[in-house]
Amino acid sequence: MLNIVLHGSPSEHPPLVIVHGLYGSARNWNVIAKRLSADREVIAVDQRNHGDSPWAPSHSYADMAADLAEVIAAHGGRADVLGHSMGGKAAMVLALTRPEMVRRLVVADMAPVAYSHGPAHLALQRAMQVLDLENLTLRSEADRRLAQAIDDPATRAFLLQSLDLKATPPRWKLNLEVLGAEMEQILGWPGTPGVFEGPALFVYGALSNYLREEVKPAILDQFPQAEFARIEGAGHWLHAERPREFEAEVAAFIA
C-alpha cells in the first residue's frame, strides 16, 4: 500500500486523492491539500519509488493506477482524483481502466501522449545519484553541492525535499535507479484503450509546453467531457507558481 498523508475528515463528499509528479511527494502538496480539505477528506499519496512508499522494480502506469485503486478501495471505493504530470498520467490510466472509482478527474498540465523531455529528467536523476552525501547534515550544504550540476534554485529546492538528512547515512527518498531505467515509459503513454465518460478538467500553465493545442484532440478522444482551464503566468509547476489560482479551479470543479 502506498504511503498517504490525510487532511480533513470524511464527509458527505467523496475524498479527493492527490497524485504528485516525477521526483515529487505528498508533502509537496501539503498547503493545497489542507486548503481543499475544508469540506472533505483529502488523501495525498507518495507514489511507488517516491517518498515513504515502497520501492518496486517497475514503474509502469498500469502499476501506478493499480496502486491508486488500492488506496481508493480502502477509502470508500470512489473518489475525485487530481494528478499532476506523471501523476496525471497515472490518474488518466486509472480513470480509463477503473472508471467506477473516479467521480471527477483533474489532470494538471499533462495529456495522454508521449513527451521528449527525457534528457532533462535524466540529467536531474544523474545529478542526484552523484551528489556527495558524505558528512552531509545541512540542507544548505546539500544545495551548494547540488548547484554544481543544477543551476536553477527552484529545481534544487524541489528535489531536496526528497533528501532525508535524518537517515544515517543521508539518502534520497527516490528509487533513482529504477526511475532512470523506466524513464522512457514514464515519459511515454501506454496506449491504454477506453473512454472515461465522467467529468474531467485539464488545467494547464500558459507558459508550459506540455498541454498544447495540438494534443487536445487526443484528450477529447478518451475524455469527451473534458474542460480546459488555463492558468496565466504559470508553467509546468502551475500548482507551485500560481497556487491560489490553481486551487480555485480545482475547488470549483469538484464542488
Protein backbone atom coordinates (compact mmCIF):
# COMPACT_ATOMS: atom_id res chain seq x y z
CA MET A 1 0.00 0.00 0.00
CA LEU A 2 1.21 3.49 -0.80
CA ASN A 3 2.14 5.86 1.99
CA ILE A 4 -0.57 8.51 2.33
CA VAL A 5 -0.98 11.84 4.10
CA LEU A 6 -4.54 12.63 5.24
CA HIS A 7 -6.05 16.09 5.50
CA GLY A 8 -9.53 16.95 6.76
CA SER A 9 -12.21 14.45 7.69
CA PRO A 10 -14.60 12.16 5.80
CA SER A 11 -17.85 13.91 4.85
CA GLU A 12 -20.80 13.55 2.51
CA HIS A 13 -18.43 14.49 -0.32
CA PRO A 14 -16.14 11.86 -1.85
CA PRO A 15 -12.49 12.11 -0.84
CA LEU A 16 -10.01 13.86 -3.10
CA VAL A 17 -6.89 11.87 -3.97
CA ILE A 18 -3.85 13.95 -4.96
CA VAL A 19 -1.13 12.29 -7.04
CA HIS A 20 2.23 14.03 -7.40
CA GLY A 21 4.58 14.01 -10.36
CA LEU A 22 8.07 12.67 -11.03
CA TYR A 23 10.57 13.24 -8.20
CA GLY A 24 7.77 14.67 -6.04
CA SER A 25 5.94 13.51 -2.93
CA ALA A 26 2.76 14.03 -0.95
CA ARG A 27 4.47 16.72 1.13
CA ASN A 28 4.83 18.95 -1.96
CA TRP A 29 1.04 19.30 -1.85
CA ASN A 30 0.56 19.94 1.89
CA VAL A 31 -0.71 23.53 1.65
CA ILE A 32 -3.09 22.95 -1.26
CA ALA A 33 -4.32 19.66 0.25
CA LYS A 34 -5.05 21.34 3.55
CA ARG A 35 -6.93 24.21 1.89
CA LEU A 36 -9.01 21.81 -0.23
CA SER A 37 -9.93 19.72 2.83
CA ALA A 38 -12.40 22.21 4.34
CA ASP A 39 -15.41 20.08 3.37
CA ARG A 40 -13.93 16.66 2.55
CA GLU A 41 -11.09 14.29 3.24
CA VAL A 42 -8.03 14.83 1.06
CA ILE A 43 -5.62 11.93 0.55
CA ALA A 44 -2.18 12.88 -0.78
CA VAL A 45 -0.15 9.85 -1.84
CA ASP A 46 3.53 9.10 -2.19
CA GLN A 47 3.73 7.18 -5.45
CA ARG A 48 5.77 3.97 -5.63
CA ASN A 49 9.53 4.61 -5.67
CA HIS A 50 8.91 8.05 -4.11
CA GLY A 51 8.69 9.44 -0.60
CA ASP A 52 7.85 6.91 2.11
CA SER A 53 6.11 4.44 -0.22
CA PRO A 54 7.63 1.05 -1.03
CA TRP A 55 10.23 0.71 -3.76
CA ALA A 56 9.38 -1.60 -6.65
CA PRO A 57 11.31 -2.94 -9.65
CA SER A 58 8.83 -1.44 -12.13
CA HIS A 59 7.26 1.98 -12.58
CA SER A 60 4.61 1.45 -15.24
CA TYR A 61 1.39 3.42 -15.43
CA ALA A 62 -0.61 0.21 -15.05
CA ASP A 63 1.20 -0.38 -11.76
CA MET A 64 0.69 3.21 -10.60
CA ALA A 65 -3.02 3.09 -11.46
CA ALA A 66 -3.36 -0.19 -9.54
CA ASP A 67 -1.69 1.45 -6.53
CA LEU A 68 -4.22 4.29 -6.66
CA ALA A 69 -7.12 1.85 -6.99
CA GLU A 70 -5.94 0.13 -3.81
CA VAL A 71 -5.90 3.44 -1.92
CA ILE A 72 -9.38 4.41 -3.16
CA ALA A 73 -10.77 0.96 -2.33
CA ALA A 74 -9.56 1.44 1.25
CA HIS A 75 -11.33 4.82 1.48
CA GLY A 76 -14.83 4.11 0.25
CA GLY A 77 -14.27 2.88 -3.28
CA ARG A 78 -14.91 6.14 -5.16
CA ALA A 79 -13.06 9.46 -5.19
CA ASP A 80 -12.25 12.60 -7.06
CA VAL A 81 -8.69 12.28 -8.39
CA LEU A 82 -6.17 15.06 -9.08
CA GLY A 83 -2.88 14.18 -10.74
CA HIS A 84 0.00 16.40 -11.85
CA SER A 85 2.42 15.50 -14.65
CA MET A 86 3.38 11.82 -14.18
CA GLY A 87 0.63 11.65 -11.56
CA GLY A 88 -1.78 13.00 -14.17
CA LYS A 89 -0.99 10.10 -16.49
CA ALA A 90 -1.44 7.62 -13.63
CA ALA A 91 -4.80 9.25 -12.84
CA MET A 92 -5.86 9.06 -16.51
CA VAL A 93 -4.99 5.35 -16.71
CA LEU A 94 -6.97 4.76 -13.52
CA ALA A 95 -9.99 6.61 -14.96
CA LEU A 96 -9.80 4.62 -18.21
CA THR A 97 -9.39 1.22 -16.54
CA ARG A 98 -11.45 1.66 -13.36
CA PRO A 99 -13.95 4.42 -14.23
CA GLU A 100 -16.31 3.36 -11.45
CA MET A 101 -13.71 4.53 -8.93
CA VAL A 102 -13.36 8.07 -10.30
CA ARG A 103 -16.18 10.56 -9.86
CA ARG A 104 -14.33 13.59 -11.22
CA LEU A 105 -10.88 13.71 -12.76
CA VAL A 106 -8.48 16.66 -12.64
CA VAL A 107 -5.28 16.48 -14.70
CA ALA A 108 -2.67 19.18 -14.17
CA ASP A 109 -0.50 20.07 -17.18
CA MET A 110 -0.43 16.68 -18.86
CA ALA A 111 -2.01 14.86 -21.82
CA PRO A 112 -2.30 11.21 -22.88
CA VAL A 113 0.65 11.46 -25.25
CA ALA A 114 4.39 10.73 -25.21
CA TYR A 115 6.86 13.51 -24.44
CA SER A 116 10.51 14.08 -25.33
CA HIS A 117 11.78 15.61 -22.09
CA GLY A 118 13.90 12.56 -21.28
CA PRO A 119 17.37 14.16 -21.39
CA ALA A 120 16.38 16.89 -18.95
CA HIS A 121 14.83 14.45 -16.48
CA LEU A 122 17.75 12.03 -16.77
CA ALA A 123 20.15 14.92 -16.11
CA LEU A 124 18.35 15.60 -12.82
CA GLN A 125 18.40 11.91 -11.96
CA ARG A 126 22.15 11.70 -12.59
CA ALA A 127 22.79 14.86 -10.56
CA MET A 128 21.02 13.33 -7.58
CA GLN A 129 22.78 9.98 -7.97
CA VAL A 130 26.27 11.51 -7.97
CA LEU A 131 25.62 14.04 -5.21
CA ASP A 132 28.22 13.61 -2.47
CA LEU A 133 26.20 12.74 0.65
CA GLU A 134 29.23 12.15 2.90
CA ASN A 135 29.16 14.14 6.16
CA LEU A 136 26.07 15.99 4.93
CA THR A 137 23.95 17.44 7.75
CA LEU A 138 22.63 20.76 6.43
CA ARG A 139 20.19 21.30 3.56
CA SER A 140 22.06 24.50 2.68
CA GLU A 141 25.22 22.46 2.14
CA ALA A 142 23.29 19.93 0.06
CA ASP A 143 22.00 22.82 -2.04
CA ARG A 144 25.53 24.15 -2.51
CA ARG A 145 26.78 20.77 -3.68
CA LEU A 146 23.80 20.16 -5.97
CA ALA A 147 24.29 23.62 -7.53
CA GLN A 148 27.42 22.26 -9.22
CA ALA A 149 25.12 20.27 -11.52
CA ILE A 150 21.77 22.13 -11.37
CA ASP A 151 21.71 25.90 -11.84
CA ASP A 152 18.07 26.63 -11.03
CA PRO A 153 17.48 27.24 -7.29
CA ALA A 154 13.77 26.35 -7.52
CA THR A 155 14.56 22.97 -9.11
CA ARG A 156 17.16 22.24 -6.44
CA ALA A 157 14.74 23.20 -3.66
CA PHE A 158 12.09 20.89 -5.11
CA LEU A 159 14.45 17.92 -5.43
CA LEU A 160 15.96 18.43 -1.97
CA GLN A 161 12.54 17.92 -0.40
CA SER A 162 13.17 14.23 -1.15
CA LEU A 163 16.58 14.13 0.56
CA ASP A 164 16.41 12.53 4.01
CA LEU A 165 19.15 14.12 6.07
CA LYS A 166 17.99 12.36 9.24
CA ALA A 167 18.92 8.97 7.84
CA THR A 168 22.36 7.53 8.58
CA PRO A 169 23.86 7.99 6.09
CA PRO A 170 21.63 10.56 4.33
CA ARG A 171 19.61 9.08 1.47
CA TRP A 172 17.28 10.05 -1.33
CA LYS A 173 13.64 9.03 -0.83
CA LEU A 174 13.59 8.23 -4.54
CA ASN A 175 14.43 4.94 -6.21
CA LEU A 176 16.70 6.72 -8.67
CA GLU A 177 17.99 3.55 -10.32
CA VAL A 178 14.52 2.30 -11.25
CA LEU A 179 13.23 5.75 -12.21
CA GLY A 180 16.18 6.19 -14.55
CA ALA A 181 15.71 2.75 -16.08
CA GLU A 182 11.98 3.34 -16.55
CA MET A 183 12.25 6.91 -17.88
CA GLU A 184 11.19 6.03 -21.43
CA GLN A 185 7.84 4.66 -20.32
CA ILE A 186 7.39 7.39 -17.68
CA LEU A 187 7.62 10.00 -20.44
CA GLY A 188 5.61 7.86 -22.83
CA TRP A 189 1.95 6.93 -22.90
CA PRO A 190 0.98 3.25 -22.60
CA GLY A 191 -1.79 3.50 -25.17
CA THR A 192 -4.41 2.47 -22.62
CA PRO A 193 -7.67 1.94 -24.52
CA GLY A 194 -11.09 3.09 -23.41
CA VAL A 195 -13.09 6.23 -22.79
CA PHE A 196 -13.79 7.96 -19.49
CA GLU A 197 -17.26 9.46 -19.77
CA GLY A 198 -17.17 11.29 -16.45
CA PRO A 199 -16.37 14.96 -15.82
CA ALA A 200 -12.73 15.83 -16.43
CA LEU A 201 -10.80 19.07 -16.00
CA PHE A 202 -7.43 19.62 -17.68
CA VAL A 203 -5.67 22.57 -16.03
CA TYR A 204 -2.52 23.85 -17.69
CA GLY A 205 0.03 26.63 -17.39
CA ALA A 206 0.00 29.28 -20.11
CA LEU A 207 3.83 29.20 -20.16
CA SER A 208 4.09 25.41 -20.32
CA ASN A 209 4.65 23.34 -23.46
CA TYR A 210 3.10 20.14 -22.07
CA LEU A 211 -0.55 20.78 -22.91
CA ARG A 212 -0.51 22.42 -26.30
CA GLU A 213 -3.45 22.94 -28.68
CA GLU A 214 -2.35 20.04 -30.86
CA VAL A 215 -2.76 17.49 -28.03
CA LYS A 216 -6.32 18.50 -27.15
CA PRO A 217 -7.88 16.13 -29.77
CA ALA A 218 -6.08 13.20 -28.09
CA ILE A 219 -7.56 14.29 -24.76
CA LEU A 220 -11.07 14.65 -26.14
CA ASP A 221 -10.88 11.24 -27.85
CA GLN A 222 -10.62 9.48 -24.49
CA PHE A 223 -12.09 12.13 -22.18
CA PRO A 224 -15.02 13.53 -24.19
CA GLN A 225 -16.38 15.57 -21.26
CA ALA A 226 -13.03 17.34 -20.78
CA GLU A 227 -12.98 21.01 -19.86
CA PHE A 228 -9.84 23.12 -20.09
CA ALA A 229 -8.60 25.80 -17.69
CA ARG A 230 -5.55 27.93 -18.45
CA ILE A 231 -3.52 29.47 -15.61
CA GLU A 232 -1.84 32.68 -16.73
CA GLY A 233 1.75 33.28 -15.68
CA ALA A 234 2.32 29.62 -14.83
CA GLY A 235 4.47 26.93 -16.38
CA HIS A 236 4.51 23.19 -15.78
CA TRP A 237 4.69 23.65 -11.99
CA LEU A 238 1.44 25.61 -12.01
CA HIS A 239 0.37 24.47 -8.54
CA ALA A 240 3.58 25.91 -7.08
CA GLU A 241 3.79 29.01 -9.27
CA ARG A 242 0.13 30.07 -9.06
CA PRO A 243 -1.22 28.03 -6.13
CA ARG A 244 -4.30 30.11 -5.30
CA GLU A 245 -5.46 30.30 -8.92
CA PHE A 246 -4.85 26.58 -9.40
CA GLU A 247 -6.60 25.74 -6.15
CA ALA A 248 -9.62 27.86 -7.11
CA GLU A 249 -10.04 26.00 -10.42
CA VAL A 250 -9.89 22.62 -8.68
CA ALA A 251 -12.24 23.65 -5.85
CA ALA A 252 -14.85 24.98 -8.27
CA PHE A 253 -14.72 21.83 -10.39
CA ILE A 254 -15.05 19.28 -7.57
CA ALA A 255 -17.66 21.33 -5.63
